[in-house]
Amino acid sequence: MVALSRGQLGGSKWLLKSLQIARQQRAKSLELRAATSLARLWRDEGKRTAARDLLAPVYGWFTEGFDTLDLKEAKALLDDLAS
């Protein structure tokens, strides 16, 4: 259990860094991927509200491309977090 927690902390750290870099570069697609991955991790850790609060505004920025895999995955995760 300790190894899993350490692994998750490391994953969270790198995903937060990825999110920060994507935002600095104004790379919305990369921001969406990082936010989706981090939100998925947080959901699995029981942080459902934080996960939704992170992902919803990033997803909401998009106005097209909803048939792409990245947006479909983000939407599915948001739907899961809403239930």
N, C-alpha and C. Protein backbone atom coordinates (compact mmCIF):
# COMPACT_ATOMS: atom_id res chain seq x y z
N MET A 1 0.82 -1.19 0.00
CA MET A 1 0.00 0.00 0.00
C MET A 1 0.87 1.26 0.00
N VAL A 2 1.97 1.23 0.73
CA VAL A 2 2.87 2.38 0.76
C VAL A 2 3.45 2.64 -0.62
N ALA A 3 3.85 1.59 -1.33
CA ALA A 3 4.41 1.76 -2.67
C ALA A 3 3.39 2.38 -3.61
N LEU A 4 2.15 1.96 -3.50
CA LEU A 4 1.10 2.52 -4.34
C LEU A 4 0.93 4.00 -4.05
N SER A 5 0.91 4.36 -2.77
CA SER A 5 0.74 5.77 -2.41
C SER A 5 1.90 6.60 -2.93
N ARG A 6 3.10 6.10 -2.79
CA ARG A 6 4.27 6.82 -3.30
C ARG A 6 4.19 6.97 -4.81
N GLY A 7 3.77 5.92 -5.49
CA GLY A 7 3.63 5.99 -6.94
C GLY A 7 2.59 7.00 -7.36
N GLN A 8 1.49 7.04 -6.63
CA GLN A 8 0.44 8.00 -6.95
C GLN A 8 0.92 9.42 -6.70
N LEU A 9 1.66 9.62 -5.61
CA LEU A 9 2.19 10.95 -5.33
C LEU A 9 3.13 11.39 -6.44
N GLY A 10 3.97 10.48 -6.90
CA GLY A 10 4.87 10.80 -8.00
C GLY A 10 4.10 11.10 -9.27
N GLY A 11 3.07 10.32 -9.54
CA GLY A 11 2.24 10.55 -10.72
C GLY A 11 1.54 11.89 -10.65
N SER A 12 1.02 12.20 -9.49
CA SER A 12 0.33 13.47 -9.29
C SER A 12 1.29 14.64 -9.52
N LYS A 13 2.49 14.51 -9.00
CA LYS A 13 3.50 15.56 -9.15
C LYS A 13 3.79 15.82 -10.62
N TRP A 14 4.01 14.77 -11.38
CA TRP A 14 4.36 14.94 -12.79
C TRP A 14 3.17 15.40 -13.62
N LEU A 15 2.00 14.96 -13.27
CA LEU A 15 0.81 15.42 -14.00
C LEU A 15 0.54 16.90 -13.72
N LEU A 16 0.77 17.33 -12.49
CA LEU A 16 0.63 18.76 -12.17
C LEU A 16 1.65 19.58 -12.95
N LYS A 17 2.87 19.07 -13.07
CA LYS A 17 3.91 19.75 -13.84
C LYS A 17 3.51 19.81 -15.32
N SER A 18 2.99 18.72 -15.85
CA SER A 18 2.53 18.70 -17.24
C SER A 18 1.42 19.71 -17.47
N LEU A 19 0.51 19.79 -16.52
CA LEU A 19 -0.59 20.74 -16.61
C LEU A 19 -0.06 22.17 -16.61
N GLN A 20 0.89 22.44 -15.74
CA GLN A 20 1.49 23.78 -15.66
C GLN A 20 2.18 24.16 -16.97
N ILE A 21 2.94 23.25 -17.53
CA ILE A 21 3.65 23.53 -18.79
C ILE A 21 2.65 23.76 -19.92
N ALA A 22 1.63 22.92 -20.01
CA ALA A 22 0.62 23.08 -21.06
C ALA A 22 -0.06 24.45 -20.95
N ARG A 23 -0.33 24.87 -19.73
CA ARG A 23 -0.96 26.18 -19.53
C ARG A 23 -0.02 27.31 -19.93
N GLN A 24 1.25 27.18 -19.58
CA GLN A 24 2.23 28.20 -19.95
C GLN A 24 2.35 28.32 -21.46
N GLN A 25 2.25 27.21 -22.14
CA GLN A 25 2.37 27.19 -23.60
C GLN A 25 1.03 27.45 -24.29
N ARG A 26 -0.01 27.59 -23.51
CA ARG A 26 -1.37 27.77 -24.03
C ARG A 26 -1.73 26.65 -25.02
N ALA A 27 -1.32 25.45 -24.65
CA ALA A 27 -1.58 24.26 -25.47
C ALA A 27 -2.80 23.54 -24.90
N LYS A 28 -3.98 23.94 -25.36
CA LYS A 28 -5.22 23.45 -24.78
C LYS A 28 -5.40 21.94 -24.92
N SER A 29 -4.98 21.36 -26.02
CA SER A 29 -5.12 19.91 -26.17
C SER A 29 -4.25 19.17 -25.16
N LEU A 30 -3.04 19.66 -24.96
CA LEU A 30 -2.16 19.03 -23.97
C LEU A 30 -2.67 19.28 -22.55
N GLU A 31 -3.23 20.46 -22.33
CA GLU A 31 -3.83 20.75 -21.03
C GLU A 31 -4.99 19.79 -20.75
N LEU A 32 -5.79 19.53 -21.76
CA LEU A 32 -6.91 18.60 -21.61
C LEU A 32 -6.41 17.20 -21.26
N ARG A 33 -5.38 16.75 -21.94
CA ARG A 33 -4.84 15.41 -21.66
C ARG A 33 -4.31 15.32 -20.23
N ALA A 34 -3.54 16.33 -19.82
CA ALA A 34 -2.98 16.32 -18.47
C ALA A 34 -4.09 16.41 -17.43
N ALA A 35 -5.07 17.28 -17.67
CA ALA A 35 -6.18 17.44 -16.72
C ALA A 35 -7.00 16.15 -16.63
N THR A 36 -7.22 15.49 -17.75
CA THR A 36 -7.98 14.24 -17.74
C THR A 36 -7.23 13.17 -16.95
N SER A 37 -5.94 13.06 -17.18
CA SER A 37 -5.15 12.06 -16.46
C SER A 37 -5.12 12.35 -14.96
N LEU A 38 -4.92 13.61 -14.60
CA LEU A 38 -4.88 13.98 -13.19
C LEU A 38 -6.25 13.80 -12.54
N ALA A 39 -7.30 14.17 -13.25
CA ALA A 39 -8.65 14.00 -12.72
C ALA A 39 -8.97 12.52 -12.52
N ARG A 40 -8.51 11.68 -13.42
CA ARG A 40 -8.72 10.23 -13.28
C ARG A 40 -8.00 9.72 -12.02
N LEU A 41 -6.77 10.17 -11.82
CA LEU A 41 -6.01 9.77 -10.64
C LEU A 41 -6.71 10.24 -9.37
N TRP A 42 -7.14 11.50 -9.36
CA TRP A 42 -7.82 12.03 -8.19
C TRP A 42 -9.14 11.29 -7.92
N ARG A 43 -9.87 10.96 -8.99
CA ARG A 43 -11.10 10.19 -8.81
C ARG A 43 -10.79 8.86 -8.12
N ASP A 44 -9.74 8.21 -8.58
CA ASP A 44 -9.36 6.92 -8.01
C ASP A 44 -8.91 7.04 -6.56
N GLU A 45 -8.46 8.23 -6.18
CA GLU A 45 -8.05 8.49 -4.80
C GLU A 45 -9.22 8.99 -3.95
N GLY A 46 -10.40 9.09 -4.54
CA GLY A 46 -11.57 9.55 -3.81
C GLY A 46 -11.76 11.06 -3.79
N LYS A 47 -10.99 11.77 -4.59
CA LYS A 47 -11.07 13.24 -4.65
C LYS A 47 -11.94 13.66 -5.84
N ARG A 48 -13.17 13.21 -5.81
CA ARG A 48 -14.07 13.40 -6.95
C ARG A 48 -14.39 14.87 -7.22
N THR A 49 -14.62 15.65 -6.19
CA THR A 49 -14.95 17.06 -6.38
C THR A 49 -13.77 17.81 -6.98
N ALA A 50 -12.58 17.57 -6.46
CA ALA A 50 -11.38 18.22 -6.99
C ALA A 50 -11.16 17.82 -8.44
N ALA A 51 -11.39 16.56 -8.74
CA ALA A 51 -11.22 16.07 -10.11
C ALA A 51 -12.17 16.78 -11.07
N ARG A 52 -13.42 16.88 -10.66
CA ARG A 52 -14.42 17.56 -11.50
C ARG A 52 -14.10 19.05 -11.65
N ASP A 53 -13.70 19.68 -10.54
CA ASP A 53 -13.37 21.11 -10.57
C ASP A 53 -12.16 21.41 -11.45
N LEU A 54 -11.27 20.47 -11.56
CA LEU A 54 -10.10 20.63 -12.44
C LEU A 54 -10.49 20.45 -13.90
N LEU A 55 -11.20 19.39 -14.19
CA LEU A 55 -11.45 19.01 -15.58
C LEU A 55 -12.55 19.81 -16.26
N ALA A 56 -13.60 20.16 -15.55
CA ALA A 56 -14.76 20.83 -16.16
C ALA A 56 -14.40 22.12 -16.90
N PRO A 57 -13.63 23.03 -16.32
CA PRO A 57 -13.34 24.27 -17.07
C PRO A 57 -12.44 24.04 -18.28
N VAL A 58 -11.56 23.07 -18.21
CA VAL A 58 -10.70 22.77 -19.36
C VAL A 58 -11.56 22.22 -20.49
N TYR A 59 -12.41 21.27 -20.16
CA TYR A 59 -13.32 20.69 -21.16
C TYR A 59 -14.24 21.78 -21.72
N GLY A 60 -14.72 22.65 -20.87
CA GLY A 60 -15.64 23.71 -21.28
C GLY A 60 -15.05 24.73 -22.23
N TRP A 61 -13.74 24.80 -22.29
CA TRP A 61 -13.08 25.74 -23.20
C TRP A 61 -13.31 25.36 -24.66
N PHE A 62 -13.46 24.07 -24.93
CA PHE A 62 -13.55 23.60 -26.31
C PHE A 62 -14.93 23.87 -26.90
N THR A 63 -14.92 24.25 -28.17
CA THR A 63 -16.18 24.54 -28.88
C THR A 63 -16.38 23.62 -30.08
N GLU A 64 -15.39 22.80 -30.36
CA GLU A 64 -15.48 21.86 -31.48
C GLU A 64 -14.56 20.69 -31.21
N GLY A 65 -14.64 19.70 -32.07
CA GLY A 65 -13.77 18.53 -31.95
C GLY A 65 -14.26 17.50 -30.95
N PHE A 66 -15.55 17.54 -30.65
CA PHE A 66 -16.09 16.65 -29.63
C PHE A 66 -16.10 15.18 -30.05
N ASP A 67 -15.75 14.91 -31.29
CA ASP A 67 -15.66 13.52 -31.75
C ASP A 67 -14.24 12.97 -31.60
N THR A 68 -13.31 13.79 -31.08
CA THR A 68 -11.94 13.32 -30.88
C THR A 68 -11.86 12.46 -29.62
N LEU A 69 -10.90 11.57 -29.58
CA LEU A 69 -10.75 10.66 -28.45
C LEU A 69 -10.50 11.42 -27.15
N ASP A 70 -9.67 12.45 -27.18
CA ASP A 70 -9.36 13.19 -25.95
C ASP A 70 -10.61 13.81 -25.34
N LEU A 71 -11.43 14.43 -26.17
CA LEU A 71 -12.65 15.05 -25.65
C LEU A 71 -13.69 14.01 -25.24
N LYS A 72 -13.75 12.90 -25.95
CA LYS A 72 -14.68 11.83 -25.57
C LYS A 72 -14.30 11.26 -24.20
N GLU A 73 -13.00 11.06 -23.98
CA GLU A 73 -12.54 10.52 -22.70
C GLU A 73 -12.80 11.51 -21.57
N ALA A 74 -12.55 12.79 -21.83
CA ALA A 74 -12.80 13.81 -20.81
C ALA A 74 -14.28 13.87 -20.46
N LYS A 75 -15.14 13.81 -21.47
CA LYS A 75 -16.59 13.86 -21.25
C LYS A 75 -17.05 12.64 -20.46
N ALA A 76 -16.54 11.47 -20.80
CA ALA A 76 -16.91 10.26 -20.08
C ALA A 76 -16.49 10.35 -18.61
N LEU A 77 -15.33 10.90 -18.36
CA LEU A 77 -14.86 11.05 -16.99
C LEU A 77 -15.72 12.07 -16.24
N LEU A 78 -16.05 13.18 -16.89
CA LEU A 78 -16.93 14.17 -16.26
C LEU A 78 -18.30 13.57 -15.94
N ASP A 79 -18.83 12.77 -16.85
CA ASP A 79 -20.11 12.10 -16.61
C ASP A 79 -20.01 11.17 -15.40
N ASP A 80 -18.91 10.45 -15.31
CA ASP A 80 -18.69 9.55 -14.18
C ASP A 80 -18.59 10.35 -12.88
N LEU A 81 -17.91 11.48 -12.92
CA LEU A 81 -17.74 12.30 -11.72
C LEU A 81 -19.04 12.96 -11.29
N ALA A 82 -19.96 13.15 -12.22
CA ALA A 82 -21.25 13.77 -11.91
C ALA A 82 -22.22 12.80 -11.24
N SER A 83 -21.95 11.52 -11.39
CA SER A 83 -22.89 10.52 -10.83
C SER A 83 -22.55 10.14 -9.41
